[in-house]
Amino acid sequence: MMSSKFIEKTIKKWKIRLFIKKSVFWTTDFKTWRQLGGINVGFNSSQIWGSIHTPQNIIFINIKKNSTKEELEDTIIHELLHAKYPKLSEKKLRAKIEKLVTAK
């Protein structure tokens, strides 16, 4: 299981690299995440690696799906990019991630 310390450190690192100044919160508890977001989502926790409620910037991280540190970091980057570019399509977001990950 991934540690909270690793998640915190990774979020902090990528917030700096992506120039995200606003607060970002996270949880590994899907039920809590759903309640904090205040909206209905059309999926359950077993279907996703992560998700974010914008504009609150509350990230859900699915620990069961993210089994390696690399997967977890990629999920965090993906969700932080949603925070930075909330209107960007998944396709364009993935293209940005490809550039970032190869530059890691």
N, C-alpha and C. Protein backbone atom coordinates (compact mmCIF):
# COMPACT_ATOMS: atom_id res chain seq x y z
N MET A 1 0.84 -1.19 0.00
CA MET A 1 0.00 0.00 0.00
C MET A 1 0.88 1.25 0.00
N MET A 2 0.47 2.22 -0.80
CA MET A 2 1.23 3.46 -0.90
C MET A 2 1.03 4.30 0.36
N SER A 3 2.09 4.97 0.76
CA SER A 3 2.00 5.76 1.98
C SER A 3 1.43 7.15 1.71
N SER A 4 0.80 7.70 2.73
CA SER A 4 0.28 9.06 2.65
C SER A 4 1.41 10.04 2.40
N LYS A 5 2.55 9.74 2.98
CA LYS A 5 3.73 10.60 2.83
C LYS A 5 4.14 10.69 1.35
N PHE A 6 4.15 9.56 0.66
CA PHE A 6 4.50 9.55 -0.77
C PHE A 6 3.48 10.36 -1.57
N ILE A 7 2.20 10.18 -1.28
CA ILE A 7 1.15 10.91 -2.00
C ILE A 7 1.31 12.41 -1.78
N GLU A 8 1.48 12.82 -0.53
CA GLU A 8 1.65 14.25 -0.20
C GLU A 8 2.85 14.84 -0.93
N LYS A 9 3.97 14.11 -0.87
CA LYS A 9 5.21 14.58 -1.50
C LYS A 9 5.04 14.71 -3.02
N THR A 10 4.37 13.75 -3.62
CA THR A 10 4.16 13.75 -5.07
C THR A 10 3.23 14.88 -5.48
N ILE A 11 2.17 15.09 -4.74
CA ILE A 11 1.25 16.20 -5.04
C ILE A 11 1.99 17.53 -4.92
N LYS A 12 2.75 17.69 -3.86
CA LYS A 12 3.50 18.94 -3.65
C LYS A 12 4.49 19.17 -4.79
N LYS A 13 5.24 18.13 -5.17
CA LYS A 13 6.23 18.23 -6.25
C LYS A 13 5.57 18.68 -7.55
N TRP A 14 4.46 18.04 -7.91
CA TRP A 14 3.82 18.33 -9.19
C TRP A 14 3.01 19.63 -9.16
N LYS A 15 2.53 20.04 -8.00
CA LYS A 15 1.89 21.35 -7.91
C LYS A 15 2.91 22.44 -8.25
N ILE A 16 4.12 22.27 -7.75
CA ILE A 16 5.20 23.23 -8.03
C ILE A 16 5.55 23.20 -9.51
N ARG A 17 5.77 22.01 -10.06
CA ARG A 17 6.15 21.88 -11.47
C ARG A 17 5.07 22.38 -12.43
N LEU A 18 3.82 22.26 -12.03
CA LEU A 18 2.70 22.68 -12.89
C LEU A 18 2.21 24.09 -12.55
N PHE A 19 2.89 24.74 -11.61
CA PHE A 19 2.54 26.11 -11.21
C PHE A 19 1.08 26.22 -10.73
N ILE A 20 0.68 25.27 -9.91
CA ILE A 20 -0.67 25.28 -9.33
C ILE A 20 -0.58 25.90 -7.94
N LYS A 21 -1.19 27.05 -7.78
CA LYS A 21 -1.12 27.76 -6.51
C LYS A 21 -2.29 27.43 -5.58
N LYS A 22 -3.43 27.07 -6.16
CA LYS A 22 -4.61 26.81 -5.33
C LYS A 22 -4.44 25.52 -4.52
N SER A 23 -5.17 25.45 -3.42
CA SER A 23 -5.11 24.27 -2.55
C SER A 23 -5.66 23.05 -3.27
N VAL A 24 -5.04 21.91 -2.98
CA VAL A 24 -5.51 20.63 -3.51
C VAL A 24 -5.62 19.67 -2.33
N PHE A 25 -6.76 19.03 -2.23
CA PHE A 25 -7.00 18.06 -1.16
C PHE A 25 -7.12 16.68 -1.79
N TRP A 26 -6.89 15.64 -1.01
CA TRP A 26 -6.99 14.30 -1.56
C TRP A 26 -7.50 13.32 -0.50
N THR A 27 -8.03 12.23 -1.00
CA THR A 27 -8.49 11.14 -0.13
C THR A 27 -8.41 9.83 -0.90
N THR A 28 -8.30 8.75 -0.18
CA THR A 28 -8.36 7.42 -0.80
C THR A 28 -9.72 6.77 -0.51
N ASP A 29 -10.59 7.52 0.14
CA ASP A 29 -11.92 7.01 0.49
C ASP A 29 -12.95 7.57 -0.49
N PHE A 30 -13.47 6.70 -1.35
CA PHE A 30 -14.38 7.12 -2.42
C PHE A 30 -15.66 7.75 -1.87
N LYS A 31 -16.20 7.16 -0.81
CA LYS A 31 -17.45 7.65 -0.22
C LYS A 31 -17.26 9.09 0.30
N THR A 32 -16.16 9.31 0.99
CA THR A 32 -15.84 10.65 1.50
C THR A 32 -15.68 11.63 0.34
N TRP A 33 -14.95 11.20 -0.69
CA TRP A 33 -14.72 12.05 -1.87
C TRP A 33 -16.04 12.45 -2.52
N ARG A 34 -16.93 11.46 -2.67
CA ARG A 34 -18.24 11.73 -3.28
C ARG A 34 -19.04 12.75 -2.47
N GLN A 35 -19.02 12.57 -1.15
CA GLN A 35 -19.76 13.49 -0.27
C GLN A 35 -19.17 14.90 -0.31
N LEU A 36 -17.86 15.01 -0.30
CA LEU A 36 -17.20 16.32 -0.33
C LEU A 36 -17.46 17.06 -1.64
N GLY A 37 -17.57 16.32 -2.72
CA GLY A 37 -17.80 16.93 -4.03
C GLY A 37 -19.20 17.47 -4.20
N GLY A 38 -20.14 16.89 -3.50
CA GLY A 38 -21.51 17.37 -3.53
C GLY A 38 -22.25 17.14 -4.84
N ILE A 39 -21.71 16.28 -5.71
CA ILE A 39 -22.41 15.99 -6.97
C ILE A 39 -22.45 14.48 -7.18
N ASN A 40 -23.38 14.05 -7.99
CA ASN A 40 -23.44 12.64 -8.36
C ASN A 40 -22.42 12.36 -9.46
N VAL A 41 -21.72 11.27 -9.33
CA VAL A 41 -20.77 10.87 -10.37
C VAL A 41 -21.30 9.60 -11.02
N GLY A 42 -21.03 9.43 -12.30
CA GLY A 42 -21.58 8.29 -13.04
C GLY A 42 -20.68 7.09 -13.07
N PHE A 43 -19.93 6.87 -12.00
CA PHE A 43 -19.03 5.71 -11.93
C PHE A 43 -18.84 5.32 -10.48
N ASN A 44 -18.26 4.13 -10.28
CA ASN A 44 -17.92 3.73 -8.92
C ASN A 44 -16.41 3.61 -8.80
N SER A 45 -15.93 3.42 -7.60
CA SER A 45 -14.48 3.46 -7.35
C SER A 45 -13.71 2.36 -8.07
N SER A 46 -14.36 1.23 -8.35
CA SER A 46 -13.62 0.13 -8.99
C SER A 46 -13.32 0.40 -10.46
N GLN A 47 -13.96 1.42 -11.05
CA GLN A 47 -13.79 1.71 -12.47
C GLN A 47 -12.65 2.69 -12.77
N ILE A 48 -12.15 3.38 -11.76
CA ILE A 48 -11.22 4.48 -12.02
C ILE A 48 -9.94 4.39 -11.20
N TRP A 49 -8.89 5.03 -11.71
CA TRP A 49 -7.62 5.12 -11.00
C TRP A 49 -7.63 6.34 -10.08
N GLY A 50 -8.32 7.37 -10.53
CA GLY A 50 -8.43 8.61 -9.75
C GLY A 50 -9.46 9.51 -10.38
N SER A 51 -9.85 10.53 -9.63
CA SER A 51 -10.79 11.52 -10.15
C SER A 51 -10.65 12.78 -9.31
N ILE A 52 -11.16 13.89 -9.86
CA ILE A 52 -11.07 15.15 -9.12
C ILE A 52 -12.39 15.89 -9.22
N HIS A 53 -12.77 16.49 -8.09
CA HIS A 53 -13.90 17.41 -8.09
C HIS A 53 -13.30 18.80 -8.31
N THR A 54 -13.68 19.45 -9.41
CA THR A 54 -13.28 20.84 -9.60
C THR A 54 -14.55 21.67 -9.43
N PRO A 55 -14.56 22.86 -8.88
CA PRO A 55 -13.40 23.68 -8.55
C PRO A 55 -12.83 23.45 -7.15
N GLN A 56 -13.41 22.52 -6.37
CA GLN A 56 -12.91 22.30 -5.01
C GLN A 56 -11.51 21.70 -4.99
N ASN A 57 -11.11 21.05 -6.08
CA ASN A 57 -9.81 20.38 -6.17
C ASN A 57 -9.62 19.32 -5.10
N ILE A 58 -10.59 18.42 -5.04
CA ILE A 58 -10.51 17.28 -4.12
C ILE A 58 -10.28 16.04 -4.98
N ILE A 59 -9.13 15.43 -4.80
CA ILE A 59 -8.73 14.28 -5.61
C ILE A 59 -9.06 12.98 -4.86
N PHE A 60 -9.65 12.04 -5.60
CA PHE A 60 -9.80 10.67 -5.09
C PHE A 60 -8.70 9.85 -5.75
N ILE A 61 -7.97 9.10 -4.95
CA ILE A 61 -6.92 8.21 -5.45
C ILE A 61 -7.31 6.79 -5.10
N ASN A 62 -7.47 5.95 -6.13
CA ASN A 62 -7.84 4.56 -5.92
C ASN A 62 -6.56 3.74 -5.70
N ILE A 63 -6.30 3.43 -4.46
CA ILE A 63 -5.09 2.70 -4.08
C ILE A 63 -5.07 1.29 -4.69
N LYS A 64 -6.23 0.67 -4.85
CA LYS A 64 -6.29 -0.69 -5.42
C LYS A 64 -5.86 -0.71 -6.88
N LYS A 65 -6.17 0.34 -7.63
CA LYS A 65 -5.82 0.39 -9.06
C LYS A 65 -4.37 0.85 -9.27
N ASN A 66 -3.90 1.75 -8.44
CA ASN A 66 -2.54 2.30 -8.56
C ASN A 66 -1.60 1.42 -7.74
N SER A 67 -1.11 0.37 -8.36
CA SER A 67 -0.34 -0.61 -7.58
C SER A 67 1.16 -0.31 -7.52
N THR A 68 1.64 0.60 -8.35
CA THR A 68 3.06 0.98 -8.29
C THR A 68 3.17 2.48 -8.06
N LYS A 69 4.34 2.92 -7.63
CA LYS A 69 4.57 4.35 -7.43
C LYS A 69 4.47 5.11 -8.74
N GLU A 70 4.89 4.47 -9.83
CA GLU A 70 4.82 5.12 -11.15
C GLU A 70 3.36 5.35 -11.56
N GLU A 71 2.52 4.34 -11.37
CA GLU A 71 1.09 4.49 -11.69
C GLU A 71 0.47 5.58 -10.83
N LEU A 72 0.81 5.56 -9.56
CA LEU A 72 0.26 6.54 -8.64
C LEU A 72 0.68 7.96 -9.04
N GLU A 73 1.94 8.12 -9.38
CA GLU A 73 2.42 9.45 -9.79
C GLU A 73 1.73 9.90 -11.08
N ASP A 74 1.56 8.99 -12.02
CA ASP A 74 0.85 9.33 -13.27
C ASP A 74 -0.59 9.75 -12.99
N THR A 75 -1.26 9.05 -12.08
CA THR A 75 -2.63 9.40 -11.71
C THR A 75 -2.67 10.79 -11.07
N ILE A 76 -1.74 11.06 -10.19
CA ILE A 76 -1.68 12.36 -9.52
C ILE A 76 -1.45 13.48 -10.55
N ILE A 77 -0.51 13.26 -11.46
CA ILE A 77 -0.26 14.25 -12.52
C ILE A 77 -1.53 14.49 -13.32
N HIS A 78 -2.19 13.42 -13.71
CA HIS A 78 -3.42 13.50 -14.50
C HIS A 78 -4.48 14.35 -13.79
N GLU A 79 -4.71 14.05 -12.51
CA GLU A 79 -5.74 14.77 -11.77
C GLU A 79 -5.35 16.23 -11.52
N LEU A 80 -4.06 16.49 -11.29
CA LEU A 80 -3.61 17.87 -11.11
C LEU A 80 -3.78 18.67 -12.40
N LEU A 81 -3.57 18.03 -13.53
CA LEU A 81 -3.79 18.72 -14.80
C LEU A 81 -5.26 19.06 -15.00
N HIS A 82 -6.15 18.20 -14.50
CA HIS A 82 -7.58 18.53 -14.52
C HIS A 82 -7.83 19.79 -13.67
N ALA A 83 -7.12 19.91 -12.55
CA ALA A 83 -7.27 21.09 -11.70
C ALA A 83 -6.80 22.35 -12.43
N LYS A 84 -5.68 22.21 -13.13
CA LYS A 84 -5.11 23.36 -13.85
C LYS A 84 -5.91 23.71 -15.10
N TYR A 85 -6.36 22.70 -15.82
CA TYR A 85 -7.10 22.90 -17.07
C TYR A 85 -8.45 22.18 -17.01
N PRO A 86 -9.40 22.70 -16.23
CA PRO A 86 -10.66 21.98 -16.03
C PRO A 86 -11.50 21.76 -17.29
N LYS A 87 -11.29 22.57 -18.32
CA LYS A 87 -12.11 22.44 -19.53
C LYS A 87 -11.43 21.60 -20.62
N LEU A 88 -10.22 21.14 -20.36
CA LEU A 88 -9.47 20.38 -21.35
C LEU A 88 -10.04 18.97 -21.52
N SER A 89 -10.15 18.51 -22.75
CA SER A 89 -10.67 17.16 -23.01
C SER A 89 -9.66 16.12 -22.52
N GLU A 90 -10.14 14.90 -22.31
CA GLU A 90 -9.26 13.80 -21.87
C GLU A 90 -8.14 13.58 -22.89
N LYS A 91 -8.46 13.66 -24.17
CA LYS A 91 -7.47 13.42 -25.22
C LYS A 91 -6.33 14.45 -25.15
N LYS A 92 -6.69 15.72 -25.03
CA LYS A 92 -5.68 16.79 -24.95
C LYS A 92 -4.91 16.71 -23.64
N LEU A 93 -5.60 16.31 -22.58
CA LEU A 93 -4.95 16.16 -21.29
C LEU A 93 -3.90 15.05 -21.35
N ARG A 94 -4.24 13.94 -21.98
CA ARG A 94 -3.29 12.83 -22.12
C ARG A 94 -2.06 13.24 -22.92
N ALA A 95 -2.25 14.08 -23.93
CA ALA A 95 -1.12 14.57 -24.73
C ALA A 95 -0.18 15.40 -23.85
N LYS A 96 -0.74 16.22 -22.98
CA LYS A 96 0.08 17.02 -22.05
C LYS A 96 0.83 16.09 -21.10
N ILE A 97 0.17 15.05 -20.63
CA ILE A 97 0.80 14.11 -19.70
C ILE A 97 1.98 13.41 -20.38
N GLU A 98 1.79 12.99 -21.62
CA GLU A 98 2.88 12.34 -22.36
C GLU A 98 4.13 13.22 -22.38
N LYS A 99 3.95 14.50 -22.66
CA LYS A 99 5.08 15.44 -22.68
C LYS A 99 5.73 15.54 -21.31
N LEU A 100 4.91 15.64 -20.27
CA LEU A 100 5.44 15.78 -18.91
C LEU A 100 6.18 14.53 -18.44
N VAL A 101 5.57 13.39 -18.68
CA VAL A 101 6.14 12.13 -18.19
C VAL A 101 7.46 11.81 -18.88
N THR A 102 7.56 12.11 -20.16
CA THR A 102 8.82 11.86 -20.85
C THR A 102 9.89 12.86 -20.42
N ALA A 103 9.47 14.00 -19.86
CA ALA A 103 10.42 15.00 -19.39
C ALA A 103 10.79 14.80 -17.92
N LYS A 104 10.13 13.84 -17.25
CA LYS A 104 10.39 13.57 -15.82
C LYS A 104 11.86 13.40 -15.62
